[in-house]
N, C-alpha and C. Protein backbone atom coordinates (compact mmCIF):
# COMPACT_ATOMS: atom_id res chain seq x y z
N MET A 1 70.61 -16.60 5.39
CA MET A 1 70.11 -16.24 6.70
C MET A 1 71.26 -16.13 7.71
N LYS A 2 71.16 -15.11 8.56
CA LYS A 2 72.16 -14.92 9.60
C LYS A 2 71.48 -14.75 10.96
N VAL A 3 72.05 -15.40 11.97
CA VAL A 3 71.55 -15.27 13.34
C VAL A 3 72.70 -14.88 14.25
N LEU A 4 72.45 -13.88 15.10
CA LEU A 4 73.42 -13.46 16.11
C LEU A 4 72.93 -13.99 17.45
N LEU A 5 73.78 -14.72 18.16
CA LEU A 5 73.43 -15.27 19.46
C LEU A 5 74.31 -14.64 20.53
N LEU A 6 73.69 -14.02 21.53
CA LEU A 6 74.41 -13.36 22.62
C LEU A 6 74.31 -14.22 23.88
N ASN A 7 75.47 -14.64 24.38
CA ASN A 7 75.53 -15.46 25.58
C ASN A 7 75.81 -14.55 26.78
N GLY A 8 74.81 -14.39 27.64
CA GLY A 8 74.93 -13.50 28.78
C GLY A 8 75.60 -14.11 29.99
N SER A 9 76.08 -15.33 29.88
CA SER A 9 76.73 -15.97 31.02
C SER A 9 78.19 -15.56 31.12
N PRO A 10 78.69 -15.34 32.34
CA PRO A 10 80.12 -15.07 32.52
C PRO A 10 80.96 -16.35 32.46
N ARG A 11 80.31 -17.51 32.49
CA ARG A 11 81.01 -18.78 32.49
C ARG A 11 81.20 -19.29 31.06
N LYS A 12 82.44 -19.45 30.66
CA LYS A 12 82.71 -20.00 29.35
C LYS A 12 82.38 -21.49 29.34
N ASP A 13 81.68 -21.92 28.31
CA ASP A 13 81.31 -23.33 28.13
C ASP A 13 80.46 -23.85 29.28
N GLY A 14 79.64 -22.97 29.85
CA GLY A 14 78.74 -23.37 30.92
C GLY A 14 77.41 -23.89 30.39
N ASN A 15 76.40 -23.91 31.24
CA ASN A 15 75.10 -24.46 30.86
C ASN A 15 74.37 -23.61 29.82
N THR A 16 74.55 -22.30 29.88
CA THR A 16 73.95 -21.44 28.86
C THR A 16 74.57 -21.72 27.50
N SER A 17 75.86 -21.98 27.48
CA SER A 17 76.54 -22.35 26.23
C SER A 17 76.00 -23.66 25.67
N ILE A 18 75.71 -24.60 26.55
CA ILE A 18 75.17 -25.89 26.12
C ILE A 18 73.85 -25.67 25.38
N ALA A 19 73.00 -24.80 25.93
CA ALA A 19 71.72 -24.50 25.28
C ALA A 19 71.93 -23.88 23.91
N LEU A 20 72.81 -22.89 23.83
CA LEU A 20 73.05 -22.21 22.55
C LEU A 20 73.70 -23.14 21.53
N ASN A 21 74.62 -23.97 21.98
CA ASN A 21 75.27 -24.91 21.07
C ASN A 21 74.27 -25.88 20.44
N GLU A 22 73.27 -26.26 21.23
CA GLU A 22 72.22 -27.14 20.69
C GLU A 22 71.45 -26.44 19.57
N MET A 23 71.25 -25.14 19.72
CA MET A 23 70.59 -24.36 18.68
C MET A 23 71.50 -24.20 17.46
N VAL A 24 72.77 -23.95 17.71
CA VAL A 24 73.71 -23.73 16.60
C VAL A 24 73.79 -24.95 15.69
N LYS A 25 73.74 -26.15 16.28
CA LYS A 25 73.77 -27.37 15.47
C LYS A 25 72.62 -27.38 14.47
N VAL A 26 71.45 -26.98 14.93
CA VAL A 26 70.28 -26.95 14.06
C VAL A 26 70.42 -25.86 13.00
N PHE A 27 70.87 -24.68 13.43
CA PHE A 27 71.04 -23.58 12.47
C PHE A 27 72.00 -23.99 11.35
N GLU A 28 73.10 -24.61 11.72
CA GLU A 28 74.08 -25.01 10.72
C GLU A 28 73.51 -26.06 9.78
N ALA A 29 72.73 -27.00 10.32
CA ALA A 29 72.10 -28.02 9.48
C ALA A 29 71.08 -27.41 8.52
N GLU A 30 70.48 -26.28 8.94
CA GLU A 30 69.48 -25.60 8.12
C GLU A 30 70.10 -24.56 7.19
N GLY A 31 71.42 -24.45 7.20
CA GLY A 31 72.10 -23.51 6.33
C GLY A 31 72.08 -22.07 6.81
N VAL A 32 71.87 -21.89 8.11
CA VAL A 32 71.84 -20.55 8.71
C VAL A 32 73.21 -20.23 9.29
N ASP A 33 73.74 -19.06 8.98
CA ASP A 33 75.03 -18.61 9.52
C ASP A 33 74.83 -18.11 10.94
N ALA A 34 75.36 -18.84 11.92
CA ALA A 34 75.16 -18.52 13.34
C ALA A 34 76.46 -18.02 13.97
N THR A 35 76.38 -16.85 14.60
CA THR A 35 77.53 -16.26 15.28
C THR A 35 77.21 -16.10 16.76
N VAL A 36 78.02 -16.73 17.62
CA VAL A 36 77.82 -16.64 19.07
C VAL A 36 78.85 -15.68 19.65
N VAL A 37 78.38 -14.74 20.48
CA VAL A 37 79.27 -13.79 21.16
C VAL A 37 79.03 -13.88 22.66
N GLN A 38 80.09 -14.11 23.42
CA GLN A 38 80.00 -14.18 24.88
C GLN A 38 79.98 -12.76 25.44
N ILE A 39 78.94 -12.44 26.18
CA ILE A 39 78.74 -11.08 26.71
C ILE A 39 79.01 -11.01 28.21
N GLY A 40 78.58 -12.04 28.94
CA GLY A 40 78.58 -11.98 30.39
C GLY A 40 79.93 -11.81 31.05
N ASN A 41 81.02 -12.11 30.33
CA ASN A 41 82.35 -11.95 30.91
C ASN A 41 83.06 -10.71 30.39
N LYS A 42 82.31 -9.79 29.75
CA LYS A 42 82.90 -8.58 29.21
C LYS A 42 82.63 -7.38 30.13
N ASP A 43 83.46 -6.34 29.99
CA ASP A 43 83.30 -5.12 30.79
C ASP A 43 82.40 -4.16 30.00
N ILE A 44 81.10 -4.23 30.24
CA ILE A 44 80.13 -3.40 29.53
C ILE A 44 79.34 -2.59 30.54
N ARG A 45 79.46 -1.29 30.47
CA ARG A 45 78.72 -0.44 31.41
C ARG A 45 77.34 -0.11 30.87
N GLY A 46 76.49 0.36 31.74
CA GLY A 46 75.11 0.67 31.36
C GLY A 46 74.99 2.00 30.64
N CYS A 47 73.80 2.25 30.11
CA CYS A 47 73.49 3.50 29.43
C CYS A 47 73.60 4.67 30.40
N ILE A 48 74.19 5.78 29.93
CA ILE A 48 74.33 6.98 30.77
C ILE A 48 73.34 8.06 30.38
N ALA A 49 72.39 7.72 29.50
CA ALA A 49 71.29 8.62 29.12
C ALA A 49 71.78 9.98 28.61
N CYS A 50 72.87 9.95 27.84
CA CYS A 50 73.43 11.21 27.32
C CYS A 50 72.75 11.66 26.04
N GLY A 51 72.11 10.73 25.33
CA GLY A 51 71.41 11.07 24.09
C GLY A 51 72.32 11.29 22.90
N ALA A 52 73.61 11.08 23.05
CA ALA A 52 74.56 11.33 21.95
C ALA A 52 74.34 10.39 20.77
N CYS A 53 73.73 9.23 21.02
CA CYS A 53 73.51 8.28 19.93
C CYS A 53 72.58 8.83 18.86
N PHE A 54 71.73 9.79 19.22
CA PHE A 54 70.83 10.37 18.23
C PHE A 54 71.58 11.27 17.25
N GLU A 55 72.74 11.78 17.68
CA GLU A 55 73.57 12.60 16.80
C GLU A 55 74.62 11.76 16.09
N LYS A 56 75.22 10.82 16.81
CA LYS A 56 76.33 10.05 16.27
C LYS A 56 75.89 8.80 15.50
N GLY A 57 74.68 8.33 15.78
CA GLY A 57 74.22 7.11 15.15
C GLY A 57 74.77 5.86 15.79
N LYS A 58 75.47 6.01 16.89
CA LYS A 58 76.00 4.88 17.64
C LYS A 58 76.21 5.33 19.08
N CYS A 59 76.47 4.36 19.97
CA CYS A 59 76.67 4.69 21.37
C CYS A 59 77.99 5.45 21.57
N VAL A 60 77.95 6.46 22.44
CA VAL A 60 79.14 7.26 22.70
C VAL A 60 80.21 6.45 23.44
N ILE A 61 79.78 5.39 24.14
CA ILE A 61 80.72 4.48 24.79
C ILE A 61 81.15 3.46 23.73
N ASP A 62 82.32 3.64 23.20
CA ASP A 62 82.74 2.84 22.05
C ASP A 62 83.37 1.52 22.50
N ASP A 63 82.52 0.54 22.71
CA ASP A 63 83.00 -0.77 23.16
C ASP A 63 82.32 -1.86 22.33
N LEU A 64 82.19 -3.04 22.89
CA LEU A 64 81.62 -4.18 22.17
C LEU A 64 80.22 -3.92 21.65
N VAL A 65 79.47 -3.07 22.33
CA VAL A 65 78.09 -2.80 21.92
C VAL A 65 78.05 -2.26 20.49
N ASN A 66 78.94 -1.35 20.14
CA ASN A 66 78.96 -0.81 18.79
C ASN A 66 79.38 -1.86 17.76
N GLU A 67 80.23 -2.79 18.16
CA GLU A 67 80.59 -3.89 17.27
C GLU A 67 79.39 -4.81 17.04
N LEU A 68 78.64 -5.07 18.09
CA LEU A 68 77.46 -5.91 17.97
C LEU A 68 76.38 -5.25 17.12
N ALA A 69 76.33 -3.92 17.17
CA ALA A 69 75.31 -3.21 16.40
C ALA A 69 75.43 -3.53 14.91
N LEU A 70 76.64 -3.61 14.40
CA LEU A 70 76.85 -3.92 12.99
C LEU A 70 76.38 -5.34 12.67
N LYS A 71 76.67 -6.28 13.56
CA LYS A 71 76.24 -7.66 13.36
C LYS A 71 74.72 -7.78 13.48
N PHE A 72 74.15 -7.05 14.41
CA PHE A 72 72.71 -7.06 14.62
C PHE A 72 71.98 -6.53 13.39
N GLU A 73 72.50 -5.47 12.81
CA GLU A 73 71.86 -4.88 11.63
C GLU A 73 71.84 -5.86 10.46
N GLU A 74 72.90 -6.63 10.31
CA GLU A 74 73.00 -7.59 9.21
C GLU A 74 72.18 -8.86 9.46
N ALA A 75 71.88 -9.14 10.72
CA ALA A 75 71.26 -10.42 11.07
C ALA A 75 69.76 -10.45 10.76
N ASP A 76 69.28 -11.65 10.48
CA ASP A 76 67.84 -11.87 10.30
C ASP A 76 67.18 -12.22 11.62
N GLY A 77 67.99 -12.65 12.58
CA GLY A 77 67.45 -13.02 13.88
C GLY A 77 68.45 -12.80 14.99
N LEU A 78 67.93 -12.64 16.21
CA LEU A 78 68.76 -12.41 17.39
C LEU A 78 68.30 -13.33 18.51
N VAL A 79 69.25 -14.10 19.05
CA VAL A 79 68.98 -14.94 20.22
C VAL A 79 69.73 -14.34 21.40
N VAL A 80 69.01 -14.16 22.50
CA VAL A 80 69.59 -13.60 23.71
C VAL A 80 69.45 -14.62 24.82
N ALA A 81 70.57 -15.05 25.39
CA ALA A 81 70.55 -16.11 26.40
C ALA A 81 71.19 -15.64 27.70
N SER A 82 70.61 -16.08 28.82
CA SER A 82 71.14 -15.65 30.11
C SER A 82 70.91 -16.68 31.20
N PRO A 83 71.85 -16.78 32.14
CA PRO A 83 71.55 -17.49 33.38
C PRO A 83 70.63 -16.62 34.22
N VAL A 84 70.00 -17.22 35.21
CA VAL A 84 69.05 -16.49 36.05
C VAL A 84 69.72 -16.06 37.34
N TYR A 85 69.65 -14.75 37.63
CA TYR A 85 70.14 -14.19 38.89
C TYR A 85 68.97 -13.48 39.58
N TYR A 86 68.51 -14.00 40.70
CA TYR A 86 67.40 -13.38 41.43
C TYR A 86 66.21 -13.14 40.51
N ALA A 87 65.81 -14.16 39.76
CA ALA A 87 64.68 -14.11 38.83
C ALA A 87 64.85 -13.01 37.79
N SER A 88 66.10 -12.75 37.41
CA SER A 88 66.40 -11.71 36.43
C SER A 88 67.61 -12.15 35.61
N ALA A 89 67.85 -11.42 34.52
CA ALA A 89 68.97 -11.75 33.65
C ALA A 89 70.28 -11.19 34.20
N ASN A 90 71.37 -11.68 33.68
CA ASN A 90 72.70 -11.19 34.04
C ASN A 90 72.78 -9.68 33.79
N ALA A 91 73.30 -8.93 34.75
CA ALA A 91 73.31 -7.46 34.67
C ALA A 91 74.14 -6.95 33.50
N THR A 92 75.23 -7.63 33.18
CA THR A 92 76.06 -7.21 32.05
C THR A 92 75.30 -7.33 30.75
N LEU A 93 74.55 -8.41 30.61
CA LEU A 93 73.73 -8.61 29.41
C LEU A 93 72.68 -7.52 29.29
N ILE A 94 72.02 -7.18 30.39
CA ILE A 94 70.99 -6.14 30.36
C ILE A 94 71.59 -4.79 29.98
N ALA A 95 72.76 -4.47 30.53
CA ALA A 95 73.44 -3.23 30.16
C ALA A 95 73.72 -3.21 28.66
N CYS A 96 74.16 -4.34 28.14
CA CYS A 96 74.45 -4.45 26.71
C CYS A 96 73.19 -4.26 25.89
N LEU A 97 72.11 -4.95 26.25
CA LEU A 97 70.88 -4.86 25.48
C LEU A 97 70.25 -3.47 25.54
N ASP A 98 70.28 -2.85 26.72
CA ASP A 98 69.74 -1.48 26.84
C ASP A 98 70.41 -0.56 25.82
N ARG A 99 71.72 -0.61 25.77
CA ARG A 99 72.45 0.28 24.87
C ARG A 99 72.35 -0.17 23.42
N LEU A 100 72.37 -1.48 23.20
CA LEU A 100 72.29 -1.99 21.83
C LEU A 100 70.98 -1.60 21.16
N PHE A 101 69.88 -1.76 21.86
CA PHE A 101 68.58 -1.45 21.27
C PHE A 101 68.33 0.05 21.20
N TYR A 102 68.79 0.78 22.22
CA TYR A 102 68.49 2.22 22.25
C TYR A 102 69.36 3.01 21.29
N SER A 103 70.61 2.62 21.14
CA SER A 103 71.54 3.43 20.33
C SER A 103 71.50 3.09 18.86
N THR A 104 70.90 1.96 18.49
CA THR A 104 70.81 1.59 17.07
C THR A 104 69.48 2.05 16.51
N HIS A 105 69.54 2.80 15.43
CA HIS A 105 68.32 3.39 14.88
C HIS A 105 67.91 2.76 13.56
N PHE A 106 68.55 1.65 13.17
CA PHE A 106 68.10 0.95 11.98
C PHE A 106 66.78 0.23 12.29
N ASP A 107 66.02 -0.05 11.25
CA ASP A 107 64.70 -0.66 11.41
C ASP A 107 64.85 -2.14 11.79
N LYS A 108 64.33 -2.50 12.95
CA LYS A 108 64.41 -3.88 13.43
C LYS A 108 63.14 -4.67 13.10
N THR A 109 62.21 -4.04 12.41
CA THR A 109 60.93 -4.68 12.10
C THR A 109 61.13 -6.01 11.38
N MET A 110 60.53 -7.03 11.90
CA MET A 110 60.51 -8.38 11.33
C MET A 110 61.84 -9.12 11.43
N LYS A 111 62.83 -8.59 12.15
CA LYS A 111 63.93 -9.43 12.58
C LYS A 111 63.36 -10.35 13.66
N VAL A 112 63.73 -11.61 13.66
CA VAL A 112 63.13 -12.56 14.60
C VAL A 112 63.95 -12.61 15.88
N GLY A 113 63.28 -12.55 17.01
CA GLY A 113 63.95 -12.60 18.31
C GLY A 113 63.60 -13.86 19.08
N ALA A 114 64.53 -14.30 19.89
CA ALA A 114 64.28 -15.45 20.78
C ALA A 114 65.13 -15.30 22.03
N SER A 115 64.55 -15.57 23.17
CA SER A 115 65.31 -15.53 24.42
C SER A 115 65.42 -16.94 24.98
N VAL A 116 66.55 -17.19 25.64
CA VAL A 116 66.83 -18.49 26.25
C VAL A 116 67.32 -18.25 27.67
N VAL A 117 66.80 -19.01 28.62
CA VAL A 117 67.19 -18.80 30.01
C VAL A 117 67.59 -20.12 30.67
N CYS A 118 68.51 -20.02 31.62
CA CYS A 118 69.06 -21.21 32.28
C CYS A 118 69.13 -20.97 33.78
N ALA A 119 68.68 -21.95 34.55
CA ALA A 119 68.72 -21.82 36.01
C ALA A 119 68.77 -23.18 36.67
N ARG A 120 69.17 -23.17 37.93
CA ARG A 120 69.14 -24.40 38.72
C ARG A 120 67.71 -24.88 38.90
N ARG A 121 66.82 -23.91 39.22
CA ARG A 121 65.44 -24.31 39.53
C ARG A 121 64.42 -23.27 39.10
N GLY A 122 64.36 -22.11 39.80
CA GLY A 122 63.29 -21.15 39.58
C GLY A 122 63.76 -19.84 38.97
N GLY A 123 62.80 -18.94 38.71
CA GLY A 123 63.09 -17.62 38.15
C GLY A 123 63.20 -17.58 36.65
N LEU A 124 62.95 -18.72 36.00
CA LEU A 124 63.12 -18.80 34.56
C LEU A 124 62.10 -17.97 33.80
N SER A 125 60.82 -18.11 34.14
CA SER A 125 59.79 -17.44 33.36
C SER A 125 59.86 -15.92 33.52
N ALA A 126 60.26 -15.44 34.71
CA ALA A 126 60.40 -14.00 34.91
C ALA A 126 61.52 -13.44 34.03
N THR A 127 62.62 -14.17 33.95
CA THR A 127 63.75 -13.74 33.12
C THR A 127 63.40 -13.83 31.65
N PHE A 128 62.69 -14.87 31.27
CA PHE A 128 62.21 -15.06 29.90
C PHE A 128 61.37 -13.85 29.47
N ASP A 129 60.44 -13.44 30.33
CA ASP A 129 59.60 -12.28 30.02
C ASP A 129 60.42 -11.01 29.91
N GLU A 130 61.39 -10.85 30.81
CA GLU A 130 62.24 -9.66 30.81
C GLU A 130 62.96 -9.51 29.47
N LEU A 131 63.54 -10.58 28.97
CA LEU A 131 64.32 -10.51 27.74
C LEU A 131 63.44 -10.32 26.51
N ASN A 132 62.25 -10.90 26.51
CA ASN A 132 61.37 -10.77 25.36
C ASN A 132 60.89 -9.34 25.13
N LYS A 133 60.92 -8.53 26.17
CA LYS A 133 60.43 -7.15 26.03
C LYS A 133 61.28 -6.32 25.06
N TYR A 134 62.55 -6.66 24.90
CA TYR A 134 63.38 -5.95 23.93
C TYR A 134 62.87 -6.17 22.51
N PHE A 135 62.37 -7.37 22.25
CA PHE A 135 61.87 -7.69 20.92
C PHE A 135 60.51 -7.03 20.65
N THR A 136 59.62 -7.14 21.63
CA THR A 136 58.25 -6.71 21.38
C THR A 136 58.09 -5.20 21.30
N ILE A 137 59.07 -4.44 21.78
CA ILE A 137 59.02 -2.98 21.63
C ILE A 137 59.66 -2.54 20.32
N SER A 138 60.24 -3.51 19.58
CA SER A 138 61.01 -3.18 18.39
C SER A 138 60.42 -3.75 17.10
N GLY A 139 59.20 -4.24 17.16
CA GLY A 139 58.57 -4.79 15.97
C GLY A 139 59.17 -6.11 15.54
N MET A 140 59.75 -6.85 16.47
CA MET A 140 60.40 -8.12 16.17
C MET A 140 59.51 -9.29 16.59
N PRO A 141 59.11 -10.15 15.66
CA PRO A 141 58.37 -11.35 16.04
C PRO A 141 59.21 -12.23 16.98
N VAL A 142 58.56 -12.85 17.93
CA VAL A 142 59.26 -13.68 18.91
C VAL A 142 59.06 -15.15 18.57
N ALA A 143 60.15 -15.86 18.39
CA ALA A 143 60.08 -17.29 18.07
C ALA A 143 59.71 -18.09 19.31
N ALA A 144 58.87 -19.10 19.10
CA ALA A 144 58.42 -19.95 20.20
C ALA A 144 58.92 -21.38 19.99
N SER A 145 58.81 -22.16 21.05
CA SER A 145 59.21 -23.56 20.98
C SER A 145 58.07 -24.42 21.51
N GLN A 146 58.37 -25.63 21.98
CA GLN A 146 57.36 -26.52 22.52
C GLN A 146 57.06 -26.21 23.99
N TYR A 147 57.90 -25.38 24.59
CA TYR A 147 57.79 -25.00 26.00
C TYR A 147 58.48 -23.65 26.11
N TRP A 148 58.38 -22.98 27.25
CA TRP A 148 59.16 -21.76 27.42
C TRP A 148 60.63 -22.09 27.22
N ASN A 149 61.35 -21.16 26.60
CA ASN A 149 62.72 -21.45 26.16
C ASN A 149 63.69 -21.49 27.33
N SER A 150 63.64 -22.58 28.09
CA SER A 150 64.46 -22.68 29.29
C SER A 150 65.13 -24.05 29.38
N ILE A 151 66.22 -24.05 30.13
CA ILE A 151 66.97 -25.28 30.37
C ILE A 151 67.50 -25.24 31.81
N HIS A 152 67.65 -26.40 32.41
CA HIS A 152 68.05 -26.46 33.82
C HIS A 152 69.45 -27.02 34.01
N GLY A 153 70.12 -26.47 35.00
CA GLY A 153 71.45 -26.94 35.37
C GLY A 153 72.12 -25.92 36.26
N ARG A 154 72.87 -26.39 37.25
CA ARG A 154 73.61 -25.49 38.13
C ARG A 154 75.11 -25.66 37.90
N GLU A 155 75.62 -26.84 38.21
CA GLU A 155 77.05 -27.08 38.00
C GLU A 155 77.34 -27.19 36.51
N LYS A 156 78.53 -26.84 36.13
CA LYS A 156 78.93 -26.85 34.73
C LYS A 156 78.66 -28.21 34.08
N GLY A 157 77.92 -28.18 32.98
CA GLY A 157 77.65 -29.40 32.24
C GLY A 157 76.35 -30.09 32.60
N GLU A 158 75.69 -29.67 33.69
CA GLU A 158 74.47 -30.34 34.12
C GLU A 158 73.33 -30.20 33.11
N ALA A 159 73.34 -29.14 32.32
CA ALA A 159 72.26 -28.92 31.35
C ALA A 159 72.20 -30.04 30.32
N LYS A 160 73.31 -30.76 30.13
CA LYS A 160 73.31 -31.88 29.18
C LYS A 160 72.38 -32.99 29.63
N GLN A 161 72.03 -33.00 30.93
CA GLN A 161 71.12 -34.03 31.45
C GLN A 161 69.66 -33.65 31.28
N ASP A 162 69.38 -32.40 30.90
CA ASP A 162 68.00 -31.94 30.73
C ASP A 162 67.55 -32.24 29.30
N ALA A 163 67.07 -33.46 29.09
CA ALA A 163 66.70 -33.90 27.73
C ALA A 163 65.59 -33.03 27.15
N GLU A 164 64.60 -32.68 27.98
CA GLU A 164 63.51 -31.85 27.46
C GLU A 164 63.99 -30.44 27.14
N GLY A 165 64.87 -29.91 27.99
CA GLY A 165 65.41 -28.58 27.72
C GLY A 165 66.20 -28.53 26.43
N LEU A 166 67.01 -29.54 26.18
CA LEU A 166 67.78 -29.61 24.94
C LEU A 166 66.86 -29.72 23.73
N GLN A 167 65.81 -30.52 23.87
CA GLN A 167 64.85 -30.64 22.78
C GLN A 167 64.15 -29.31 22.53
N THR A 168 63.84 -28.60 23.60
CA THR A 168 63.21 -27.28 23.47
C THR A 168 64.11 -26.34 22.66
N MET A 169 65.41 -26.42 22.88
CA MET A 169 66.36 -25.58 22.13
C MET A 169 66.36 -25.94 20.64
N ARG A 170 66.33 -27.24 20.34
CA ARG A 170 66.32 -27.68 18.94
C ARG A 170 65.04 -27.25 18.22
N VAL A 171 63.93 -27.42 18.90
CA VAL A 171 62.65 -27.01 18.31
C VAL A 171 62.62 -25.50 18.11
N LEU A 172 63.15 -24.77 19.06
CA LEU A 172 63.21 -23.32 18.95
C LEU A 172 64.02 -22.90 17.72
N ALA A 173 65.17 -23.53 17.52
CA ALA A 173 66.02 -23.18 16.39
C ALA A 173 65.33 -23.50 15.06
N ARG A 174 64.63 -24.63 14.99
CA ARG A 174 63.91 -24.98 13.77
C ARG A 174 62.77 -23.99 13.50
N ASN A 175 62.02 -23.67 14.55
CA ASN A 175 60.92 -22.72 14.40
C ASN A 175 61.42 -21.34 14.01
N MET A 176 62.53 -20.94 14.61
CA MET A 176 63.11 -19.63 14.30
C MET A 176 63.59 -19.59 12.86
N THR A 177 64.21 -20.67 12.40
CA THR A 177 64.67 -20.74 11.01
C THR A 177 63.50 -20.64 10.05
N PHE A 178 62.43 -21.39 10.34
CA PHE A 178 61.24 -21.35 9.49
C PHE A 178 60.66 -19.94 9.44
N LEU A 179 60.60 -19.29 10.59
CA LEU A 179 60.04 -17.95 10.66
C LEU A 179 60.89 -16.94 9.89
N MET A 180 62.19 -17.03 10.02
CA MET A 180 63.08 -16.11 9.30
C MET A 180 62.96 -16.30 7.79
N LYS A 181 62.93 -17.56 7.35
CA LYS A 181 62.81 -17.83 5.92
C LYS A 181 61.45 -17.39 5.38
N SER A 182 60.40 -17.61 6.16
CA SER A 182 59.06 -17.21 5.74
C SER A 182 58.95 -15.69 5.64
N ILE A 183 59.54 -14.99 6.60
CA ILE A 183 59.52 -13.53 6.58
C ILE A 183 60.30 -13.01 5.38
N SER A 184 61.43 -13.66 5.08
CA SER A 184 62.23 -13.24 3.93
C SER A 184 61.43 -13.36 2.63
N LEU A 185 60.70 -14.47 2.49
CA LEU A 185 59.86 -14.64 1.30
C LEU A 185 58.73 -13.61 1.28
N GLY A 186 58.14 -13.37 2.45
CA GLY A 186 57.06 -12.39 2.54
C GLY A 186 57.52 -10.99 2.20
N LYS A 187 58.72 -10.63 2.63
CA LYS A 187 59.26 -9.30 2.31
C LYS A 187 59.47 -9.13 0.82
N GLU A 188 59.89 -10.22 0.14
CA GLU A 188 60.09 -10.15 -1.31
C GLU A 188 58.77 -9.91 -2.03
N GLN A 189 57.71 -10.54 -1.55
CA GLN A 189 56.42 -10.44 -2.25
C GLN A 189 55.58 -9.26 -1.78
N PHE A 190 55.60 -8.99 -0.47
CA PHE A 190 54.69 -7.99 0.08
C PHE A 190 55.40 -6.76 0.66
N GLY A 191 56.71 -6.86 0.92
CA GLY A 191 57.41 -5.78 1.60
C GLY A 191 57.12 -5.81 3.09
N LEU A 192 57.62 -4.81 3.79
CA LEU A 192 57.37 -4.71 5.23
C LEU A 192 56.03 -4.03 5.49
N PRO A 193 55.44 -4.23 6.67
CA PRO A 193 54.18 -3.57 6.99
C PRO A 193 54.30 -2.05 6.88
N GLN A 194 53.21 -1.41 6.51
CA GLN A 194 53.20 0.05 6.40
C GLN A 194 53.49 0.69 7.74
N LYS A 195 54.31 1.73 7.71
CA LYS A 195 54.68 2.45 8.93
C LYS A 195 53.76 3.65 9.14
N GLU A 196 53.41 3.89 10.36
CA GLU A 196 52.69 5.11 10.73
C GLU A 196 53.64 6.07 11.42
N GLU A 197 53.37 7.34 11.32
CA GLU A 197 54.16 8.32 12.06
C GLU A 197 53.90 8.11 13.55
N TRP A 198 54.99 8.08 14.31
CA TRP A 198 54.89 7.82 15.74
C TRP A 198 54.08 8.91 16.42
N GLN A 199 53.19 8.50 17.32
CA GLN A 199 52.36 9.44 18.07
C GLN A 199 52.73 9.36 19.55
N PRO A 200 53.80 10.03 19.95
CA PRO A 200 54.21 9.95 21.36
C PRO A 200 53.20 10.65 22.27
N THR A 201 52.74 9.94 23.26
CA THR A 201 51.78 10.50 24.21
C THR A 201 52.41 10.44 25.60
N HIS A 202 52.68 11.60 26.16
CA HIS A 202 53.37 11.68 27.45
C HIS A 202 52.34 11.82 28.58
N PHE A 203 52.68 11.28 29.71
CA PHE A 203 51.75 11.31 30.84
C PHE A 203 51.84 12.64 31.61
N ILE A 204 52.97 13.32 31.44
CA ILE A 204 53.11 14.63 32.08
C ILE A 204 53.16 15.69 30.99
N ARG A 205 52.27 16.65 31.03
CA ARG A 205 52.19 17.66 29.98
C ARG A 205 52.51 19.04 30.54
N HIS A 206 53.08 19.87 29.68
CA HIS A 206 53.43 21.22 30.10
C HIS A 206 52.63 22.22 29.27
């Protein structure tokens, strides 16, 4: 099993890292190969809607996003973590996810997704919902925990004091591992769900 974890915080070893590290400990104990990539401190521009990815099979902006695409394709699960800015995720992370999901055309069905959010106080659930939408439009089951996948802290290191938040991360990692392993067994016995031809229905017709 392989899991790719994207850290959307620009702060190295900050509170978002504390949350992900708590998950990584569990993944490693469960024999899952976990790779963490820091996104929030990288220079990643947004999608320019050029459509070239449909011809090239990758984003025309050749940066970290295309490197992540290869890791994402190999992974059984994807964790996306972000600090909260104005009840929303870090803009660099969103730019990365927009391009990562749109420009990659491999089948993401039954890869397991999980989002993790960190804030001083509020805006967590709105950001949590925002990040989960990437999974639910891609046929990816969303891993759950004992509470919404959030942790609290403002100053560097404060998240270590959030005992419930840390526990939520550990439970999330265990549940995600169970789900990935169960799906792997299910794919061996039953295969993936039957695909239907896409029926695009546009609201404006010519």
